[in-house]
Amino acid sequence: MGIFDSVAAVFSTNAAAKRELAKVAGLVARGVKRELSLRGYDAARPGRANWGWFAASTSANAEIYGGLVALRNHSRELVRNNGHAAKAIRVLTNNVVGTGIMVQARTPNKKLNARINGLFADWIKICDFNGQLDFYGLQRLAVRGMLEGGESVTRLRTVTGAKIPLKLQLLEGDFIDHFKNDQLADGSIKQGIEFDRDGRRRKFWLFGEHPGEMPIRQPKSYVSNPVPADQILHLYEILRIGQIRGVPWLTPGMTTARDLGTYGEAERVRKRIEACVAAIVMGADDPDQEGIAPKVTDSAGNIVEQFEPGLIAIARGSKDIKFTQPASNGSFHEYKRTELQELAAAWAVTYEALTGDLSRVNFSSLKGGQNQFQREVEIIQWLCLVPMWLDGVWRAFIDACKVAGEIPQNASYDYEATTPKFESLDPEQDANGDVALVRATFMPPQEAIRRRGYDPEKVLADTKAWHEALVGAGLKSDSDPALSPKTAAAAQAPVAGNKD
């Protein structure tokens, strides 16, 4: 201790002790700080390596609130004008929905199932509120709207005079009043969605018309009005806990796609300029030449202001001839391939599906890529589309059937969805694999049939009818499940003693 501290310690031992402890604490704190700076995560350590890396600690909703409109507009512009962005959306939509995800009743009562399925088969043809698409077309449009714009909205509309008083009206996410936010006495409104005190959706504030519609408008259409949440199906991918709005699927690769498109356009312009092979006849300056540069004319004496293919330009006082030398850019194709691979990763599609380029793949790599892509598609189907859209549509349909008196009031909501099949790269090998799994009881036959996009009950009924027809015609087939492979072989072998 210093002289002052020693003297002070005589009068106040506690004060001296406190000062000493403070010094020690300061040394420890500086040591801990230095240790943390040496041992912390590289990505969290302040320094030159992370200079310019801005990462806010905002919630998902705060991030989306400031960027959704711009992201949505940029995504749609890319889909309109960028071939790879358009292809990515088509590939995902085609694989998630295809020609439609089939839905059928699966209550314990088979007779009731047949009744519900018959009503549903009639309703899906006329379920569009706008009268243009069937149920499967609406599925496709809802998913495409979610991928391209980040979200889609389906409003359940009650109609009068119909056998089943229900229609589906599809709206883009723009219809939700994004900038409507308020604190209510018993809840809140965030980005056009009203919540109760417990954070459950209560209402959606929707515009009467698309806010970006053509200028044939009525002012009242651009005032949002509340619609009960039980009349709305809000389809979007939830990426963070508490996220209430969706962002476009193309978001992670937007900047890369735009930069690649701009670079590609610059390369095309360069190629067009190179195609204008021209020759310029050069020489000594003409003393009578006016202006700051020699005048250049073509063979007809016209002043040259732009290049064109086959041009020969003559400078006055010409003594030499020079041809334009096109520059080569051999790295462009490899650079573009690398960028497209990055886009494929950002958009969760395979490079081959995005570009159609199969020049560097073999069966194994193609199969591996397809398997991973299939998992991505199944996640969208079973963790997004089915719980957030199909469940709501089916419950609304069953309720409408009950209101119309078409089915009992106690009918259950049980149903089964069958997604489109994935085309096999090796159908025989995959079929043998399914047969082995079914025979080993690792998978029921219904699941194997469903994985190929078919309805098990319909397959069973059709197969039974077909084999009954074969028996009636006096024919046998090894496709008959009642025949084992050995029995089928025996059935096809000639009978002993038969002279025919």
Protein backbone atom coordinates (compact mmCIF):
# COMPACT_ATOMS: atom_id res chain seq x y z
CA MET A 1 0.00 0.00 0.00
CA GLY A 2 1.05 3.63 -0.46
CA ILE A 3 1.70 6.11 2.40
CA PHE A 4 -1.83 7.51 2.18
CA ASP A 5 -3.36 4.06 2.30
CA SER A 6 -1.14 3.05 5.27
CA VAL A 7 -2.15 6.12 7.26
CA ALA A 8 -5.78 5.69 6.34
CA ALA A 9 -5.62 2.07 7.39
CA VAL A 10 -4.74 3.15 10.96
CA PHE A 11 -8.01 5.05 11.23
CA SER A 12 -10.18 2.80 9.11
CA THR A 13 -9.14 -0.77 8.63
CA ASN A 14 -12.38 -1.53 6.80
CA ALA A 15 -11.84 1.29 4.31
CA ALA A 16 -8.32 0.06 3.49
CA ALA A 17 -9.56 -3.46 3.02
CA LYS A 18 -12.28 -2.27 0.68
CA ARG A 19 -9.74 -0.35 -1.42
CA GLU A 20 -7.48 -3.38 -1.64
CA LEU A 21 -10.40 -5.57 -2.65
CA ALA A 22 -11.40 -3.06 -5.29
CA LYS A 23 -7.89 -3.15 -6.76
CA VAL A 24 -7.91 -6.93 -6.85
CA ALA A 25 -11.37 -6.95 -8.42
CA GLY A 26 -10.18 -4.54 -11.09
CA LEU A 27 -7.19 -6.72 -11.91
CA VAL A 28 -9.39 -9.81 -12.06
CA ALA A 29 -11.93 -8.06 -14.28
CA ARG A 30 -9.23 -6.94 -16.71
CA GLY A 31 -7.79 -10.43 -16.75
CA VAL A 32 -11.19 -12.01 -17.38
CA LYS A 33 -11.88 -9.53 -20.16
CA ARG A 34 -8.53 -10.33 -21.77
CA GLU A 35 -9.17 -14.06 -21.38
CA LEU A 36 -12.61 -13.74 -22.95
CA SER A 37 -11.18 -11.82 -25.88
CA LEU A 38 -8.72 -14.66 -26.44
CA ARG A 39 -11.05 -17.59 -25.86
CA GLY A 40 -14.43 -16.35 -27.15
CA TYR A 41 -16.17 -17.40 -30.36
CA ASP A 42 -14.38 -16.10 -33.43
CA ALA A 43 -17.66 -14.93 -34.91
CA ALA A 44 -18.44 -12.92 -31.75
CA ARG A 45 -15.00 -11.42 -31.20
CA PRO A 46 -14.68 -7.71 -32.05
CA GLY A 47 -11.85 -6.95 -34.41
CA ARG A 48 -10.79 -6.33 -37.96
CA ALA A 49 -11.98 -9.75 -39.17
CA ASN A 50 -15.58 -8.96 -38.20
CA TRP A 51 -15.53 -5.30 -39.16
CA GLY A 52 -18.71 -4.35 -41.00
CA TRP A 53 -20.60 -7.44 -39.84
CA PHE A 54 -23.79 -5.91 -38.50
CA ALA A 55 -26.13 -8.35 -36.74
CA ALA A 56 -29.11 -6.96 -34.84
CA SER A 57 -30.71 -8.77 -31.92
CA THR A 58 -34.22 -8.03 -33.17
CA SER A 59 -37.12 -10.46 -33.08
CA ALA A 60 -38.40 -12.23 -36.16
CA ASN A 61 -41.37 -9.89 -36.36
CA ALA A 62 -39.22 -6.75 -36.07
CA GLU A 63 -37.04 -7.95 -38.94
CA ILE A 64 -39.99 -8.88 -41.12
CA TYR A 65 -41.84 -5.64 -40.39
CA GLY A 66 -39.10 -3.51 -41.90
CA GLY A 67 -38.32 -5.73 -44.87
CA LEU A 68 -41.38 -7.72 -45.95
CA VAL A 69 -42.74 -5.32 -48.56
CA ALA A 70 -39.36 -4.86 -50.26
CA LEU A 71 -38.56 -8.58 -50.12
CA ARG A 72 -41.94 -9.45 -51.59
CA ASN A 73 -41.56 -6.96 -54.43
CA HIS A 74 -38.00 -8.08 -55.19
CA SER A 75 -39.01 -11.73 -55.18
CA ARG A 76 -41.81 -11.18 -57.66
CA GLU A 77 -39.58 -9.07 -59.90
CA LEU A 78 -36.99 -11.86 -59.95
CA VAL A 79 -39.63 -14.45 -60.84
CA ARG A 80 -40.86 -12.23 -63.66
CA ASN A 81 -37.45 -11.48 -65.16
CA ASN A 82 -34.93 -14.06 -63.91
CA GLY A 83 -35.17 -17.51 -65.45
CA HIS A 84 -33.47 -19.32 -62.58
CA ALA A 85 -35.71 -17.72 -59.94
CA ALA A 86 -38.78 -18.63 -61.98
CA LYS A 87 -37.50 -22.20 -62.39
CA ALA A 88 -36.87 -22.60 -58.65
CA ILE A 89 -40.45 -21.59 -57.82
CA ARG A 90 -41.84 -23.93 -60.49
CA VAL A 91 -39.69 -26.87 -59.34
CA LEU A 92 -40.75 -26.49 -55.72
CA THR A 93 -44.42 -25.98 -56.56
CA ASN A 94 -44.46 -28.95 -58.93
CA ASN A 95 -42.93 -31.25 -56.33
CA VAL A 96 -44.87 -30.05 -53.29
CA VAL A 97 -48.30 -30.09 -54.96
CA GLY A 98 -47.88 -31.58 -58.42
CA THR A 99 -51.36 -32.25 -59.75
CA GLY A 100 -52.77 -32.12 -56.23
CA ILE A 101 -52.64 -33.68 -52.76
CA MET A 102 -55.59 -36.06 -52.48
CA VAL A 103 -57.75 -35.97 -49.36
CA GLN A 104 -60.18 -38.67 -48.20
CA ALA A 105 -62.31 -39.26 -45.13
CA ARG A 106 -61.04 -41.88 -42.68
CA THR A 107 -63.71 -42.12 -40.00
CA PRO A 108 -64.38 -45.46 -38.25
CA ASN A 109 -67.60 -45.76 -40.31
CA LYS A 110 -66.90 -46.95 -43.87
CA LYS A 111 -70.40 -46.06 -45.02
CA LEU A 112 -69.95 -42.52 -43.71
CA ASN A 113 -66.55 -42.34 -45.42
CA ALA A 114 -68.14 -43.16 -48.75
CA ARG A 115 -70.79 -40.50 -48.18
CA ILE A 116 -68.25 -37.80 -47.24
CA ASN A 117 -65.91 -38.70 -50.09
CA GLY A 118 -68.77 -38.50 -52.57
CA LEU A 119 -69.74 -35.03 -51.32
CA PHE A 120 -66.11 -33.93 -51.40
CA ALA A 121 -65.62 -35.18 -54.97
CA ASP A 122 -68.52 -32.98 -56.09
CA TRP A 123 -67.49 -29.97 -54.01
CA ILE A 124 -63.84 -29.77 -55.12
CA LYS A 125 -64.97 -29.02 -58.67
CA ILE A 126 -66.83 -25.87 -57.62
CA CYS A 127 -65.03 -24.79 -54.42
CA ASP A 128 -63.28 -21.74 -55.93
CA PHE A 129 -64.97 -18.49 -54.85
CA ASN A 130 -63.85 -16.92 -58.14
CA GLY A 131 -65.14 -19.88 -60.16
CA GLN A 132 -61.90 -20.60 -62.07
CA LEU A 133 -59.96 -23.45 -60.44
CA ASP A 134 -60.76 -26.71 -58.73
CA PHE A 135 -59.47 -27.74 -55.31
CA TYR A 136 -56.14 -28.97 -56.64
CA GLY A 137 -55.58 -25.80 -58.64
CA LEU A 138 -56.20 -23.78 -55.47
CA GLN A 139 -53.66 -25.93 -53.63
CA ARG A 140 -51.06 -25.12 -56.25
CA LEU A 141 -51.87 -21.41 -56.22
CA ALA A 142 -51.74 -21.23 -52.41
CA VAL A 143 -48.32 -22.90 -52.29
CA ARG A 144 -46.94 -20.82 -55.15
CA GLY A 145 -48.15 -17.65 -53.42
CA MET A 146 -46.38 -18.73 -50.24
CA LEU A 147 -43.11 -19.47 -52.05
CA GLU A 148 -43.07 -16.36 -54.22
CA GLY A 149 -44.58 -13.81 -51.85
CA GLY A 150 -43.80 -15.37 -48.48
CA GLU A 151 -47.40 -16.14 -47.56
CA SER A 152 -50.86 -16.73 -48.96
CA VAL A 153 -54.26 -16.12 -47.42
CA THR A 154 -57.34 -18.30 -47.93
CA ARG A 155 -60.63 -16.90 -46.77
CA LEU A 156 -63.39 -19.38 -45.97
CA ARG A 157 -66.55 -17.86 -47.47
CA THR A 158 -70.05 -18.97 -46.54
CA VAL A 159 -72.38 -18.92 -49.55
CA THR A 160 -76.11 -19.39 -49.83
CA GLY A 161 -78.00 -21.53 -52.30
CA ALA A 162 -75.27 -24.17 -52.61
CA LYS A 163 -75.48 -27.81 -51.58
CA ILE A 164 -72.32 -27.34 -49.54
CA PRO A 165 -72.33 -23.68 -48.35
CA LEU A 166 -68.56 -23.16 -48.51
CA LYS A 167 -66.17 -21.51 -50.99
CA LEU A 168 -62.43 -20.85 -50.85
CA GLN A 169 -61.18 -17.37 -51.74
CA LEU A 170 -57.43 -17.09 -52.26
CA LEU A 171 -55.71 -13.77 -51.53
CA GLU A 172 -52.10 -12.65 -51.65
CA GLY A 173 -50.36 -11.66 -48.44
CA ASP A 174 -50.57 -8.03 -49.56
CA PHE A 175 -54.21 -8.01 -48.45
CA ILE A 176 -53.11 -8.08 -44.80
CA ASP A 177 -52.69 -4.50 -43.55
CA HIS A 178 -48.97 -4.81 -42.85
CA PHE A 179 -48.58 -1.39 -41.23
CA LYS A 180 -51.53 -1.69 -38.85
CA ASN A 181 -50.12 -1.93 -35.32
CA ASP A 182 -51.87 -1.01 -32.09
CA GLN A 183 -52.01 -1.82 -28.40
CA LEU A 184 -55.53 -2.77 -27.31
CA ALA A 185 -57.05 -3.02 -23.86
CA ASP A 186 -57.44 -6.78 -24.22
CA GLY A 187 -54.75 -7.59 -26.77
CA SER A 188 -52.73 -6.10 -29.61
CA ILE A 189 -52.52 -5.71 -33.38
CA LYS A 190 -49.21 -6.58 -35.03
CA GLN A 191 -48.67 -6.20 -38.76
CA GLY A 192 -52.38 -6.51 -39.48
CA ILE A 193 -53.06 -9.51 -37.22
CA GLU A 194 -55.03 -9.02 -34.01
CA PHE A 195 -54.12 -11.09 -30.94
CA ASP A 196 -55.81 -11.57 -27.60
CA ARG A 197 -54.01 -11.21 -24.27
CA ASP A 198 -52.64 -14.75 -24.53
CA GLY A 199 -51.15 -14.18 -27.98
CA ARG A 200 -53.75 -16.16 -29.90
CA ARG A 201 -54.97 -14.90 -33.26
CA ARG A 202 -58.35 -13.26 -33.05
CA LYS A 203 -58.77 -11.27 -36.28
CA PHE A 204 -57.03 -10.46 -39.54
CA TRP A 205 -57.24 -6.90 -40.82
CA LEU A 206 -57.72 -7.22 -44.59
CA PHE A 207 -58.04 -4.69 -47.39
CA GLY A 208 -61.07 -4.95 -49.63
CA GLU A 209 -58.83 -4.83 -52.68
CA HIS A 210 -55.18 -5.50 -53.47
CA PRO A 211 -53.22 -2.35 -52.46
CA GLY A 212 -51.25 -2.56 -55.70
CA GLU A 213 -54.25 -2.99 -57.99
CA MET A 214 -54.82 -0.96 -61.15
CA PRO A 215 -56.06 2.60 -60.57
CA ILE A 216 -59.70 1.64 -61.18
CA ARG A 217 -60.43 1.81 -57.50
CA GLN A 218 -62.77 2.86 -54.76
CA PRO A 219 -61.18 4.60 -51.76
CA LYS A 220 -63.09 2.42 -49.30
CA SER A 221 -61.39 -0.68 -50.71
CA TYR A 222 -58.10 0.52 -49.27
CA VAL A 223 -59.33 0.68 -45.69
CA SER A 224 -58.68 -2.55 -43.81
CA ASN A 225 -61.48 -4.28 -41.94
CA PRO A 226 -61.34 -7.08 -39.36
CA VAL A 227 -62.15 -10.66 -40.38
CA PRO A 228 -62.47 -13.37 -37.69
CA ALA A 229 -59.37 -15.54 -37.54
CA ASP A 230 -61.42 -18.75 -37.80
CA GLN A 231 -62.36 -17.67 -41.35
CA ILE A 232 -58.72 -17.30 -42.45
CA LEU A 233 -56.07 -19.87 -43.37
CA HIS A 234 -52.68 -18.17 -43.25
CA LEU A 235 -50.08 -20.27 -45.08
CA TYR A 236 -46.39 -19.47 -44.55
CA GLU A 237 -43.21 -21.17 -43.35
CA ILE A 238 -42.44 -20.52 -39.68
CA LEU A 239 -38.68 -20.12 -39.38
CA ARG A 240 -38.42 -18.57 -35.91
CA ILE A 241 -40.38 -18.91 -32.69
CA GLY A 242 -43.12 -16.29 -32.51
CA GLN A 243 -42.96 -15.41 -36.23
CA ILE A 244 -46.36 -14.15 -37.42
CA ARG A 245 -45.69 -13.31 -41.09
CA GLY A 246 -43.84 -15.15 -43.85
CA VAL A 247 -40.89 -14.14 -46.04
CA PRO A 248 -40.38 -15.15 -49.69
CA TRP A 249 -38.57 -18.42 -50.35
CA LEU A 250 -36.06 -16.68 -52.63
CA THR A 251 -34.86 -14.30 -49.89
CA PRO A 252 -31.47 -15.95 -49.09
CA GLY A 253 -30.39 -15.84 -52.74
CA MET A 254 -31.96 -12.63 -54.02
CA THR A 255 -28.77 -10.55 -54.08
CA THR A 256 -26.75 -13.35 -55.67
CA ALA A 257 -29.41 -13.93 -58.32
CA ARG A 258 -29.61 -10.25 -59.20
CA ASP A 259 -25.82 -9.84 -59.35
CA LEU A 260 -25.48 -12.94 -61.51
CA GLY A 261 -28.19 -11.68 -63.83
CA THR A 262 -26.50 -8.28 -64.12
CA TYR A 263 -23.12 -9.89 -64.78
CA GLY A 264 -24.65 -12.18 -67.38
CA GLU A 265 -26.22 -9.21 -69.15
CA ALA A 266 -22.85 -7.42 -69.19
CA GLU A 267 -21.26 -10.54 -70.67
CA ARG A 268 -23.94 -10.69 -73.37
CA VAL A 269 -23.35 -7.04 -74.25
CA ARG A 270 -19.62 -7.72 -74.49
CA LYS A 271 -20.28 -10.64 -76.82
CA ARG A 272 -22.49 -8.48 -79.03
CA ILE A 273 -19.72 -5.90 -79.26
CA GLU A 274 -17.17 -8.59 -80.08
CA ALA A 275 -19.43 -9.86 -82.85
CA CYS A 276 -18.98 -6.52 -84.61
CA VAL A 277 -15.64 -7.52 -86.22
CA ALA A 278 -14.32 -4.30 -87.73
CA ALA A 279 -11.15 -2.93 -89.31
CA ILE A 280 -9.82 0.60 -88.98
CA VAL A 281 -7.40 2.01 -91.54
CA MET A 282 -4.91 4.17 -89.61
CA GLY A 283 -2.26 6.64 -90.71
CA ALA A 284 -0.56 9.97 -90.18
CA ASP A 285 -2.60 12.97 -89.09
CA ASP A 286 -3.97 15.14 -91.87
CA PRO A 287 -2.79 18.73 -91.36
CA ASP A 288 -6.11 19.91 -92.74
CA GLN A 289 -8.07 17.75 -90.27
CA GLU A 290 -10.42 19.79 -88.09
CA GLY A 291 -11.36 18.96 -84.54
CA ILE A 292 -9.48 17.26 -81.73
CA ALA A 293 -9.45 13.78 -83.34
CA PRO A 294 -9.00 12.42 -86.87
CA LYS A 295 -12.23 12.02 -88.78
CA VAL A 296 -13.20 8.38 -89.42
CA THR A 297 -15.40 7.49 -92.37
CA ASP A 298 -16.59 4.33 -94.03
CA SER A 299 -15.92 3.39 -97.65
CA ALA A 300 -18.79 5.61 -98.79
CA GLY A 301 -17.40 8.64 -96.97
CA ASN A 302 -19.98 8.63 -94.18
CA ILE A 303 -18.77 9.52 -90.68
CA VAL A 304 -18.61 6.41 -88.44
CA GLU A 305 -20.45 6.82 -85.14
CA GLN A 306 -21.03 3.15 -84.21
CA PHE A 307 -19.60 -0.27 -85.03
CA GLU A 308 -21.43 -2.96 -86.94
CA PRO A 309 -20.37 -6.42 -88.20
CA GLY A 310 -17.96 -6.29 -91.16
CA LEU A 311 -17.31 -2.55 -90.84
CA ILE A 312 -14.14 -1.12 -92.42
CA ALA A 313 -13.52 2.40 -91.09
CA ILE A 314 -11.05 4.69 -92.83
CA ALA A 315 -9.18 7.41 -90.96
CA ARG A 316 -7.94 10.29 -93.08
CA GLY A 317 -4.24 10.06 -93.80
CA SER A 318 -4.44 6.27 -93.55
CA LYS A 319 -1.29 4.15 -93.91
CA ASP A 320 -2.07 1.02 -91.86
CA ILE A 321 -5.02 -1.28 -91.11
CA LYS A 322 -5.92 -2.72 -87.69
CA PHE A 323 -8.61 -5.25 -86.79
CA THR A 324 -10.55 -5.27 -83.51
CA GLN A 325 -9.31 -7.98 -81.14
CA PRO A 326 -12.15 -9.71 -79.21
CA ALA A 327 -11.17 -10.44 -75.61
CA SER A 328 -11.80 -13.91 -74.22
CA ASN A 329 -13.29 -14.67 -70.79
CA GLY A 330 -12.71 -18.34 -70.18
CA SER A 331 -13.67 -18.19 -66.50
CA PHE A 332 -17.25 -17.02 -67.04
CA HIS A 333 -18.84 -20.47 -67.31
CA GLU A 334 -17.12 -21.84 -64.20
CA TYR A 335 -18.00 -18.70 -62.25
CA LYS A 336 -21.63 -18.94 -63.35
CA ARG A 337 -21.77 -22.60 -62.38
CA THR A 338 -20.43 -21.82 -58.90
CA GLU A 339 -22.96 -19.03 -58.42
CA LEU A 340 -25.82 -21.26 -59.57
CA GLN A 341 -24.73 -23.93 -57.10
CA GLU A 342 -24.93 -21.30 -54.37
CA LEU A 343 -28.43 -20.33 -55.53
CA ALA A 344 -29.53 -23.97 -55.55
CA ALA A 345 -28.37 -24.33 -51.94
CA ALA A 346 -30.08 -21.08 -50.91
CA TRP A 347 -33.37 -22.10 -52.51
CA ALA A 348 -33.28 -25.77 -51.37
CA VAL A 349 -33.38 -27.26 -54.86
CA THR A 350 -30.77 -29.34 -56.62
CA TYR A 351 -28.40 -27.69 -59.08
CA GLU A 352 -29.54 -30.10 -61.78
CA ALA A 353 -33.22 -29.25 -61.25
CA LEU A 354 -32.46 -25.52 -61.22
CA THR A 355 -30.38 -25.51 -64.41
CA GLY A 356 -31.18 -28.72 -66.29
CA ASP A 357 -27.42 -29.34 -66.49
CA LEU A 358 -26.72 -33.08 -66.14
CA SER A 359 -23.26 -33.00 -67.69
CA ARG A 360 -21.33 -33.75 -64.48
CA VAL A 361 -23.55 -36.21 -62.63
CA ASN A 362 -23.73 -39.96 -62.35
CA PHE A 363 -26.50 -42.19 -61.04
CA SER A 364 -25.27 -42.15 -57.44
CA SER A 365 -24.87 -38.37 -57.20
CA LEU A 366 -28.22 -37.81 -58.90
CA LYS A 367 -29.91 -40.25 -56.52
CA GLY A 368 -28.31 -38.63 -53.48
CA GLY A 369 -29.40 -35.17 -54.57
CA GLN A 370 -32.93 -36.37 -55.24
CA ASN A 371 -33.19 -37.99 -51.81
CA GLN A 372 -32.18 -34.77 -50.05
CA PHE A 373 -34.55 -32.70 -52.19
CA GLN A 374 -37.35 -35.14 -51.40
CA ARG A 375 -36.82 -34.50 -47.68
CA GLU A 376 -37.08 -30.75 -48.25
CA VAL A 377 -40.34 -31.22 -50.14
CA GLU A 378 -41.80 -33.54 -47.50
CA ILE A 379 -41.09 -30.97 -44.79
CA ILE A 380 -43.08 -28.35 -46.71
CA GLN A 381 -45.89 -30.84 -47.32
CA TRP A 382 -46.29 -32.36 -43.86
CA LEU A 383 -45.09 -29.59 -41.55
CA CYS A 384 -46.52 -26.61 -43.41
CA LEU A 385 -49.16 -27.28 -46.07
CA VAL A 386 -51.06 -30.06 -44.29
CA PRO A 387 -51.36 -28.54 -40.77
CA MET A 388 -51.74 -24.90 -41.85
CA TRP A 389 -53.99 -25.31 -44.90
CA LEU A 390 -55.39 -28.78 -45.60
CA ASP A 391 -56.51 -29.34 -42.00
CA GLY A 392 -58.41 -26.05 -42.01
CA VAL A 393 -60.05 -26.68 -45.37
CA TRP A 394 -61.15 -30.17 -44.37
CA ARG A 395 -62.63 -29.06 -41.04
CA ALA A 396 -64.48 -26.22 -42.76
CA PHE A 397 -65.83 -28.66 -45.36
CA ILE A 398 -67.05 -31.12 -42.71
CA ASP A 399 -68.69 -28.28 -40.76
CA ALA A 400 -70.41 -27.06 -43.94
CA CYS A 401 -71.69 -30.59 -44.61
CA LYS A 402 -73.12 -30.70 -41.08
CA VAL A 403 -74.78 -27.31 -41.49
CA ALA A 404 -76.32 -28.51 -44.76
CA GLY A 405 -77.60 -31.67 -43.05
CA GLU A 406 -75.65 -33.93 -45.39
CA ILE A 407 -73.83 -35.85 -42.64
CA PRO A 408 -74.50 -36.51 -38.94
CA GLN A 409 -73.59 -33.80 -36.46
CA ASN A 410 -71.29 -36.18 -34.59
CA ALA A 411 -69.24 -37.11 -37.66
CA SER A 412 -65.51 -36.99 -36.96
CA TYR A 413 -62.96 -34.87 -38.79
CA ASP A 414 -60.55 -37.74 -39.48
CA TYR A 415 -59.03 -37.72 -42.94
CA GLU A 416 -56.02 -38.95 -44.84
CA ALA A 417 -53.81 -37.05 -47.29
CA THR A 418 -51.92 -38.64 -50.18
CA THR A 419 -49.09 -36.57 -51.64
CA PRO A 420 -47.83 -36.83 -55.23
CA LYS A 421 -45.31 -39.57 -55.88
CA PHE A 422 -41.66 -38.91 -56.59
CA GLU A 423 -40.49 -40.33 -59.88
CA SER A 424 -38.00 -43.13 -59.34
CA LEU A 425 -34.58 -43.15 -60.98
CA ASP A 426 -34.58 -46.95 -60.84
CA PRO A 427 -38.21 -48.18 -60.69
CA GLU A 428 -37.35 -51.89 -60.54
CA GLN A 429 -34.88 -51.52 -57.69
CA ASP A 430 -37.20 -49.26 -55.69
CA ALA A 431 -40.15 -51.61 -56.25
CA ASN A 432 -38.11 -54.58 -55.03
CA GLY A 433 -37.12 -52.55 -51.99
CA ASP A 434 -40.77 -51.80 -51.18
CA VAL A 435 -41.68 -55.48 -51.61
CA ALA A 436 -38.90 -56.48 -49.21
CA LEU A 437 -40.04 -53.92 -46.61
CA VAL A 438 -43.67 -55.04 -46.86
CA ARG A 439 -42.80 -58.75 -46.62
CA ALA A 440 -40.59 -58.07 -43.60
CA THR A 441 -43.55 -56.19 -42.02
CA PHE A 442 -41.41 -53.06 -41.73
CA MET A 443 -44.01 -51.16 -43.76
CA PRO A 444 -47.72 -51.84 -44.38
CA PRO A 445 -48.80 -52.24 -48.02
CA GLN A 446 -51.03 -49.19 -47.68
CA GLU A 447 -48.03 -47.00 -46.91
CA ALA A 448 -46.09 -48.35 -49.90
CA ILE A 449 -49.04 -47.59 -52.16
CA ARG A 450 -49.54 -44.15 -50.64
CA ARG A 451 -45.87 -43.24 -51.13
CA ARG A 452 -46.40 -43.74 -54.84
CA GLY A 453 -49.26 -41.27 -54.88
CA TYR A 454 -52.18 -43.71 -55.03
CA ASP A 455 -55.21 -44.34 -52.83
CA PRO A 456 -54.82 -47.79 -51.22
CA GLU A 457 -58.55 -48.52 -51.12
CA LYS A 458 -58.99 -47.60 -54.78
CA VAL A 459 -55.96 -49.70 -55.76
CA LEU A 460 -57.40 -52.66 -53.84
CA ALA A 461 -60.84 -52.30 -55.44
CA ASP A 462 -59.40 -51.87 -58.94
CA THR A 463 -57.03 -54.84 -58.49
CA LYS A 464 -59.84 -57.06 -57.26
CA ALA A 465 -62.05 -56.11 -60.19
CA TRP A 466 -59.22 -56.72 -62.65
CA HIS A 467 -58.37 -60.19 -61.36
CA GLU A 468 -62.03 -61.15 -61.28
CA ALA A 469 -62.18 -60.14 -64.94
CA LEU A 470 -59.10 -62.27 -65.66
CA VAL A 471 -60.66 -65.30 -63.97
CA GLY A 472 -63.86 -64.74 -65.91
CA ALA A 473 -61.85 -64.77 -69.12
CA GLY A 474 -60.03 -67.95 -68.11
CA LEU A 475 -56.67 -66.20 -67.74
CA LYS A 476 -54.03 -66.19 -65.04
CA SER A 477 -51.43 -63.56 -64.28
CA ASP A 478 -48.37 -63.43 -62.04
CA SER A 479 -49.60 -60.02 -60.89
CA ASP A 480 -52.25 -61.82 -58.81
CA PRO A 481 -51.27 -61.28 -55.14
CA ALA A 482 -52.98 -64.59 -54.32
CA LEU A 483 -50.27 -66.44 -56.22
CA SER A 484 -46.82 -66.87 -54.75
CA PRO A 485 -43.88 -66.54 -57.17
CA LYS A 486 -43.57 -70.33 -57.38
CA THR A 487 -47.28 -70.79 -57.91
CA ALA A 488 -47.27 -68.10 -60.57
CA ALA A 489 -44.41 -69.85 -62.37
CA ALA A 490 -46.29 -73.13 -62.20
CA ALA A 491 -49.40 -71.45 -63.54
CA GLN A 492 -47.50 -70.26 -66.58
CA ALA A 493 -45.70 -73.60 -67.20
CA PRO A 494 -47.28 -76.05 -69.70
CA VAL A 495 -49.31 -78.84 -68.10
CA ALA A 496 -47.71 -82.32 -68.41
CA GLY A 497 -49.37 -84.42 -71.11
CA ASN A 498 -50.80 -81.37 -72.82
CA LYS A 499 -50.06 -81.76 -76.53
CA ASP A 500 -50.88 -78.12 -77.32
